[in-house]
Amino acid sequence: MKVQNIKNIDKFFQVVDACKGKVELVTGEGDRLNLKSKLSQYVSMANIFSNGEIPELEIIAYERDDIDKLIDFMMNE
């Protein structure tokens, strides 16, 4: 799923941390980073995040409940 205009980075990663299954960030090169890893979170923030928001990310969640959490975050933020 593509997510856009993430303004509250901390809340986004709190939602990711609350997910039960794997949540991955797909890089522009097609690599997949485990977003539940703190190291990957910091790397992704450093590489993608500019001016206080993340404009667009492609993420993959494997559990239906996790997908629902992420969609709920995007709808309510």
C-alpha atoms as a PDB file:
ATOM      1  CA  MET A   1       0.000   0.000   0.000  1.00  0.00           C
ATOM      2  CA  LYS A   2       1.154   3.529  -0.640  1.00  0.00           C
ATOM      3  CA  VAL A   3       0.931   5.968   2.227  1.00  0.00           C
ATOM      4  CA  GLN A   4       1.278   9.702   1.762  1.00  0.00           C
ATOM      5  CA  ASN A   5       1.909  12.878   3.717  1.00  0.00           C
ATOM      6  CA  ILE A   6       2.885  11.366   7.046  1.00  0.00           C
ATOM      7  CA  LYS A   7       3.249  14.406   9.276  1.00  0.00           C
ATOM      8  CA  ASN A   8       3.394  12.700  12.684  1.00  0.00           C
ATOM      9  CA  ILE A   9       6.430  10.451  12.261  1.00  0.00           C
ATOM     10  CA  ASP A  10       6.481   9.362  15.927  1.00  0.00           C
ATOM     11  CA  LYS A  11       2.822   8.286  15.831  1.00  0.00           C
ATOM     12  CA  PHE A  12       3.397   6.450  12.534  1.00  0.00           C
ATOM     13  CA  PHE A  13       6.215   4.396  14.062  1.00  0.00           C
ATOM     14  CA  GLN A  14       4.105   3.766  17.196  1.00  0.00           C
ATOM     15  CA  VAL A  15       1.440   2.252  14.937  1.00  0.00           C
ATOM     16  CA  VAL A  16       4.097   0.191  13.124  1.00  0.00           C
ATOM     17  CA  ASP A  17       5.485  -1.011  16.472  1.00  0.00           C
ATOM     18  CA  ALA A  18       1.968  -2.045  17.549  1.00  0.00           C
ATOM     19  CA  CYS A  19       1.566  -4.267  14.485  1.00  0.00           C
ATOM     20  CA  LYS A  20       1.783  -7.986  15.202  1.00  0.00           C
ATOM     21  CA  GLY A  21       3.179  -9.109  11.861  1.00  0.00           C
ATOM     22  CA  LYS A  22       5.908  -7.945   9.558  1.00  0.00           C
ATOM     23  CA  VAL A  23       5.707  -4.399   8.151  1.00  0.00           C
ATOM     24  CA  GLU A  24       8.141  -3.551   5.387  1.00  0.00           C
ATOM     25  CA  LEU A  25       9.171  -0.389   3.570  1.00  0.00           C
ATOM     26  CA  VAL A  26       9.792  -0.871  -0.150  1.00  0.00           C
ATOM     27  CA  THR A  27      12.683   1.323  -1.300  1.00  0.00           C
ATOM     28  CA  GLY A  28      12.931   2.930  -4.725  1.00  0.00           C
ATOM     29  CA  GLU A  29      15.327   0.136  -5.689  1.00  0.00           C
ATOM     30  CA  GLY A  30      12.805  -2.544  -4.671  1.00  0.00           C
ATOM     31  CA  ASP A  31      14.563  -3.549  -1.458  1.00  0.00           C
ATOM     32  CA  ARG A  32      12.400  -4.269   1.573  1.00  0.00           C
ATOM     33  CA  LEU A  33      13.306  -2.911   5.001  1.00  0.00           C
ATOM     34  CA  ASN A  34      11.732  -4.250   8.178  1.00  0.00           C
ATOM     35  CA  LEU A  35      10.025  -1.188   9.682  1.00  0.00           C
ATOM     36  CA  LYS A  36       9.681  -2.886  13.054  1.00  0.00           C
ATOM     37  CA  SER A  37      13.464  -2.671  13.407  1.00  0.00           C
ATOM     38  CA  LYS A  38      14.570   0.527  15.159  1.00  0.00           C
ATOM     39  CA  LEU A  39      17.656   0.685  12.958  1.00  0.00           C
ATOM     40  CA  SER A  40      15.517   0.501   9.805  1.00  0.00           C
ATOM     41  CA  GLN A  41      13.218   3.186  11.222  1.00  0.00           C
ATOM     42  CA  TYR A  42      16.147   5.550  11.741  1.00  0.00           C
ATOM     43  CA  VAL A  43      17.628   4.764   8.329  1.00  0.00           C
ATOM     44  CA  SER A  44      14.295   5.286   6.580  1.00  0.00           C
ATOM     45  CA  MET A  45      13.722   8.574   8.418  1.00  0.00           C
ATOM     46  CA  ALA A  46      17.185   9.824   7.476  1.00  0.00           C
ATOM     47  CA  ASN A  47      16.814   8.873   3.807  1.00  0.00           C
ATOM     48  CA  ILE A  48      13.186   9.724   3.087  1.00  0.00           C
ATOM     49  CA  PHE A  49      12.066  12.298   5.574  1.00  0.00           C
ATOM     50  CA  SER A  50      12.518  15.964   4.710  1.00  0.00           C
ATOM     51  CA  ASN A  51      10.904  19.178   5.968  1.00  0.00           C
ATOM     52  CA  GLY A  52       9.074  17.420   8.813  1.00  0.00           C
ATOM     53  CA  GLU A  53       6.981  15.016   6.765  1.00  0.00           C
ATOM     54  CA  ILE A  54       7.263  11.900   4.635  1.00  0.00           C
ATOM     55  CA  PRO A  55       5.604  12.640   1.274  1.00  0.00           C
ATOM     56  CA  GLU A  56       5.031   9.039   0.080  1.00  0.00           C
ATOM     57  CA  LEU A  57       6.055   5.530   1.088  1.00  0.00           C
ATOM     58  CA  GLU A  58       5.218   2.088  -0.164  1.00  0.00           C
ATOM     59  CA  ILE A  59       4.754  -0.277   2.735  1.00  0.00           C
ATOM     60  CA  ILE A  60       3.688  -3.893   2.950  1.00  0.00           C
ATOM     61  CA  ALA A  61       1.864  -5.347   5.939  1.00  0.00           C
ATOM     62  CA  TYR A  62       1.074  -9.051   5.985  1.00  0.00           C
ATOM     63  CA  GLU A  63      -1.604  -9.254   8.679  1.00  0.00           C
ATOM     64  CA  ARG A  64      -5.151  -7.971   8.043  1.00  0.00           C
ATOM     65  CA  ASP A  65      -5.318  -6.343  11.509  1.00  0.00           C
ATOM     66  CA  ASP A  66      -2.042  -4.538  10.841  1.00  0.00           C
ATOM     67  CA  ILE A  67      -3.330  -3.235   7.501  1.00  0.00           C
ATOM     68  CA  ASP A  68      -6.431  -1.955   9.291  1.00  0.00           C
ATOM     69  CA  LYS A  69      -4.282  -0.185  11.918  1.00  0.00           C
ATOM     70  CA  LEU A  70      -2.207   1.527   9.250  1.00  0.00           C
ATOM     71  CA  ILE A  71      -5.275   2.570   7.252  1.00  0.00           C
ATOM     72  CA  ASP A  72      -6.919   3.899  10.410  1.00  0.00           C
ATOM     73  CA  PHE A  73      -3.783   5.935  11.167  1.00  0.00           C
ATOM     74  CA  MET A  74      -3.771   7.408   7.657  1.00  0.00           C
ATOM     75  CA  MET A  75      -7.477   8.257   7.780  1.00  0.00           C
ATOM     76  CA  ASN A  76      -7.314   9.928  11.190  1.00  0.00           C
ATOM     77  CA  GLU A  77      -3.989  11.792  11.050  1.00  0.00           C
END
